[in-house]
């Protein structure tokens, strides 16, 4: 069983910064890629950024240069530093973690944390 604990959402003014964190816990498997997705109001969920357990990252075009995703493998934690936030970044942000065993890979999602960018 995997548990994902998300933190760091909130209300921020345009141009401001927030840092989201997601800590994964569990045993009996390997943690693979972790990342953040978001779902703006009335829209589909979309990738924000993801990082493999070897540190390779990819970002949505809309956040490149503004968001930075980092990973602490020792603690199975990822941090999303979000700078120069825009109103269009407003969404529920979800952490996603892939785990694998010898026979299967499974994706787990966090509960979501609200990020609101507004003046």
C-alpha atoms as a PDB file:
ATOM      1  CA  UNK A   1       0.000   0.000   0.000  1.00  0.00           C
ATOM      2  CA  UNK A   2       1.294   3.447  -0.967  1.00  0.00           C
ATOM      3  CA  UNK A   3       0.462   6.624   0.899  1.00  0.00           C
ATOM      4  CA  UNK A   4       0.976  10.034  -0.673  1.00  0.00           C
ATOM      5  CA  UNK A   5       0.973  13.117   1.536  1.00  0.00           C
ATOM      6  CA  UNK A   6       0.708  16.418  -0.299  1.00  0.00           C
ATOM      7  CA  UNK A   7       1.345  19.856   1.124  1.00  0.00           C
ATOM      8  CA  UNK A   8       1.920  23.455   0.108  1.00  0.00           C
ATOM      9  CA  UNK A   9      -1.130  24.641  -1.782  1.00  0.00           C
ATOM     10  CA  UNK A  10      -2.894  27.918  -1.119  1.00  0.00           C
ATOM     11  CA  UNK A  11      -3.758  31.377  -2.376  1.00  0.00           C
ATOM     12  CA  UNK A  12      -1.092  33.563  -3.951  1.00  0.00           C
ATOM     13  CA  UNK A  13      -1.047  36.766  -5.967  1.00  0.00           C
ATOM     14  CA  UNK A  14       0.032  36.786  -9.614  1.00  0.00           C
ATOM     15  CA  UNK A  15       3.814  36.799  -9.827  1.00  0.00           C
ATOM     16  CA  UNK A  16       4.134  35.039  -6.508  1.00  0.00           C
ATOM     17  CA  UNK A  17       5.580  31.661  -5.585  1.00  0.00           C
ATOM     18  CA  UNK A  18       4.451  28.469  -3.937  1.00  0.00           C
ATOM     19  CA  UNK A  19       6.163  25.187  -3.195  1.00  0.00           C
ATOM     20  CA  UNK A  20       4.290  21.902  -3.325  1.00  0.00           C
ATOM     21  CA  UNK A  21       5.635  18.764  -1.709  1.00  0.00           C
ATOM     22  CA  UNK A  22       4.592  15.149  -1.977  1.00  0.00           C
ATOM     23  CA  UNK A  23       5.931  12.411   0.262  1.00  0.00           C
ATOM     24  CA  UNK A  24       5.372   8.785  -0.675  1.00  0.00           C
ATOM     25  CA  UNK A  25       5.609   5.909   1.755  1.00  0.00           C
ATOM     26  CA  UNK A  26       5.231   2.158   1.596  1.00  0.00           C
ATOM     27  CA  UNK A  27       7.300  -0.968   1.282  1.00  0.00           C
ATOM     28  CA  UNK A  28       7.653  -4.080  -0.820  1.00  0.00           C
ATOM     29  CA  UNK A  29       8.105  -2.318  -4.126  1.00  0.00           C
ATOM     30  CA  UNK A  30      10.246   0.241  -5.922  1.00  0.00           C
ATOM     31  CA  UNK A  31       9.281   3.855  -6.411  1.00  0.00           C
ATOM     32  CA  UNK A  32       9.530   4.908 -10.015  1.00  0.00           C
ATOM     33  CA  UNK A  33       8.504   8.182 -11.635  1.00  0.00           C
ATOM     34  CA  UNK A  34       6.795  10.807  -9.500  1.00  0.00           C
ATOM     35  CA  UNK A  35       5.214  14.028 -10.557  1.00  0.00           C
ATOM     36  CA  UNK A  36       2.480  16.584 -10.422  1.00  0.00           C
ATOM     37  CA  UNK A  37      -0.616  16.939 -12.524  1.00  0.00           C
ATOM     38  CA  UNK A  38      -3.276  19.615 -12.329  1.00  0.00           C
ATOM     39  CA  UNK A  39      -6.921  20.020 -13.162  1.00  0.00           C
ATOM     40  CA  UNK A  40      -8.124  23.564 -13.811  1.00  0.00           C
ATOM     41  CA  UNK A  41     -11.805  24.296 -13.259  1.00  0.00           C
ATOM     42  CA  UNK A  42     -13.891  22.731 -16.019  1.00  0.00           C
ATOM     43  CA  UNK A  43     -10.901  21.169 -17.745  1.00  0.00           C
ATOM     44  CA  UNK A  44      -9.174  17.824 -17.926  1.00  0.00           C
ATOM     45  CA  UNK A  45      -6.274  16.811 -15.769  1.00  0.00           C
ATOM     46  CA  UNK A  46      -2.910  17.575 -17.352  1.00  0.00           C
ATOM     47  CA  UNK A  47       0.742  16.900 -16.689  1.00  0.00           C
ATOM     48  CA  UNK A  48       2.673  19.671 -14.974  1.00  0.00           C
ATOM     49  CA  UNK A  49       6.014  17.982 -14.389  1.00  0.00           C
ATOM     50  CA  UNK A  50       7.398  14.546 -13.690  1.00  0.00           C
ATOM     51  CA  UNK A  51      10.735  13.146 -12.626  1.00  0.00           C
ATOM     52  CA  UNK A  52      12.170   9.651 -12.854  1.00  0.00           C
ATOM     53  CA  UNK A  53      14.072   8.005 -10.035  1.00  0.00           C
ATOM     54  CA  UNK A  54      17.269   8.763 -11.973  1.00  0.00           C
ATOM     55  CA  UNK A  55      16.442  12.460 -12.031  1.00  0.00           C
ATOM     56  CA  UNK A  56      15.224  12.961 -15.578  1.00  0.00           C
ATOM     57  CA  UNK A  57      12.513  15.586 -15.737  1.00  0.00           C
ATOM     58  CA  UNK A  58       9.948  16.769 -18.207  1.00  0.00           C
ATOM     59  CA  UNK A  59       7.646  19.755 -17.955  1.00  0.00           C
ATOM     60  CA  UNK A  60       4.524  21.018 -19.579  1.00  0.00           C
ATOM     61  CA  UNK A  61       5.364  23.765 -22.054  1.00  0.00           C
ATOM     62  CA  UNK A  62       3.235  26.250 -20.129  1.00  0.00           C
ATOM     63  CA  UNK A  63       5.364  25.960 -16.970  1.00  0.00           C
ATOM     64  CA  UNK A  64       8.866  25.638 -18.418  1.00  0.00           C
ATOM     65  CA  UNK A  65      11.191  28.212 -16.963  1.00  0.00           C
ATOM     66  CA  UNK A  66       8.821  28.971 -14.093  1.00  0.00           C
ATOM     67  CA  UNK A  67       8.420  25.639 -12.285  1.00  0.00           C
ATOM     68  CA  UNK A  68      11.164  23.366 -11.020  1.00  0.00           C
ATOM     69  CA  UNK A  69      10.637  19.785  -9.892  1.00  0.00           C
ATOM     70  CA  UNK A  70      13.148  18.102  -7.629  1.00  0.00           C
ATOM     71  CA  UNK A  71      13.313  14.732  -5.941  1.00  0.00           C
ATOM     72  CA  UNK A  72      14.721  13.342  -2.719  1.00  0.00           C
ATOM     73  CA  UNK A  73      15.070   9.618  -3.349  1.00  0.00           C
ATOM     74  CA  UNK A  74      16.103   8.854   0.213  1.00  0.00           C
ATOM     75  CA  UNK A  75      12.713  10.080   1.429  1.00  0.00           C
ATOM     76  CA  UNK A  76      10.641   9.387  -1.711  1.00  0.00           C
ATOM     77  CA  UNK A  77       9.653  13.024  -1.795  1.00  0.00           C
ATOM     78  CA  UNK A  78       9.227  15.451  -4.654  1.00  0.00           C
ATOM     79  CA  UNK A  79       9.064  19.226  -4.474  1.00  0.00           C
ATOM     80  CA  UNK A  80       7.542  21.492  -7.083  1.00  0.00           C
ATOM     81  CA  UNK A  81       8.811  25.040  -6.835  1.00  0.00           C
ATOM     82  CA  UNK A  82       6.387  27.313  -8.668  1.00  0.00           C
ATOM     83  CA  UNK A  83       7.526  30.847  -9.455  1.00  0.00           C
ATOM     84  CA  UNK A  84       6.008  33.683 -11.463  1.00  0.00           C
ATOM     85  CA  UNK A  85       2.573  32.200 -10.942  1.00  0.00           C
ATOM     86  CA  UNK A  86      -0.223  33.237 -13.265  1.00  0.00           C
ATOM     87  CA  UNK A  87      -3.999  33.125 -12.858  1.00  0.00           C
ATOM     88  CA  UNK A  88      -4.086  30.316 -15.416  1.00  0.00           C
ATOM     89  CA  UNK A  89      -2.050  28.174 -13.020  1.00  0.00           C
ATOM     90  CA  UNK A  90      -5.119  28.011 -10.784  1.00  0.00           C
ATOM     91  CA  UNK A  91      -6.078  24.360 -10.409  1.00  0.00           C
ATOM     92  CA  UNK A  92      -6.211  21.402  -8.110  1.00  0.00           C
ATOM     93  CA  UNK A  93      -2.741  19.890  -8.148  1.00  0.00           C
ATOM     94  CA  UNK A  94      -2.363  16.134  -7.777  1.00  0.00           C
ATOM     95  CA  UNK A  95       0.736  14.162  -6.943  1.00  0.00           C
ATOM     96  CA  UNK A  96       1.228  10.934  -8.857  1.00  0.00           C
ATOM     97  CA  UNK A  97       3.616   8.116  -8.015  1.00  0.00           C
ATOM     98  CA  UNK A  98       4.374   4.960  -9.940  1.00  0.00           C
ATOM     99  CA  UNK A  99       5.538   1.908  -8.056  1.00  0.00           C
ATOM    100  CA  UNK A 100       6.665  -1.403  -9.424  1.00  0.00           C
ATOM    101  CA  UNK A 101       7.176  -4.949  -8.295  1.00  0.00           C
ATOM    102  CA  UNK A 102       8.568  -7.874 -10.262  1.00  0.00           C
ATOM    103  CA  UNK A 103       5.222  -8.446 -11.942  1.00  0.00           C
ATOM    104  CA  UNK A 104       3.331  -5.165 -12.026  1.00  0.00           C
ATOM    105  CA  UNK A 105       3.511  -1.360 -12.141  1.00  0.00           C
ATOM    106  CA  UNK A 106       0.801   0.707 -10.510  1.00  0.00           C
ATOM    107  CA  UNK A 107       0.082   4.427 -10.385  1.00  0.00           C
ATOM    108  CA  UNK A 108      -1.116   6.085  -7.182  1.00  0.00           C
ATOM    109  CA  UNK A 109      -2.645   9.536  -6.852  1.00  0.00           C
ATOM    110  CA  UNK A 110      -2.740  11.954  -3.971  1.00  0.00           C
ATOM    111  CA  UNK A 111      -5.916  13.659  -2.761  1.00  0.00           C
ATOM    112  CA  UNK A 112      -5.076  16.939  -4.453  1.00  0.00           C
ATOM    113  CA  UNK A 113      -4.219  20.384  -3.177  1.00  0.00           C
ATOM    114  CA  UNK A 114      -5.786  23.636  -4.349  1.00  0.00           C
ATOM    115  CA  UNK A 115      -3.612  26.341  -5.851  1.00  0.00           C
ATOM    116  CA  UNK A 116      -5.336  29.652  -6.499  1.00  0.00           C
ATOM    117  CA  UNK A 117      -3.557  32.545  -8.194  1.00  0.00           C
ATOM    118  CA  UNK A 118      -5.561  35.703  -7.831  1.00  0.00           C
ATOM    119  CA  UNK A 119      -5.235  39.330  -6.830  1.00  0.00           C
END
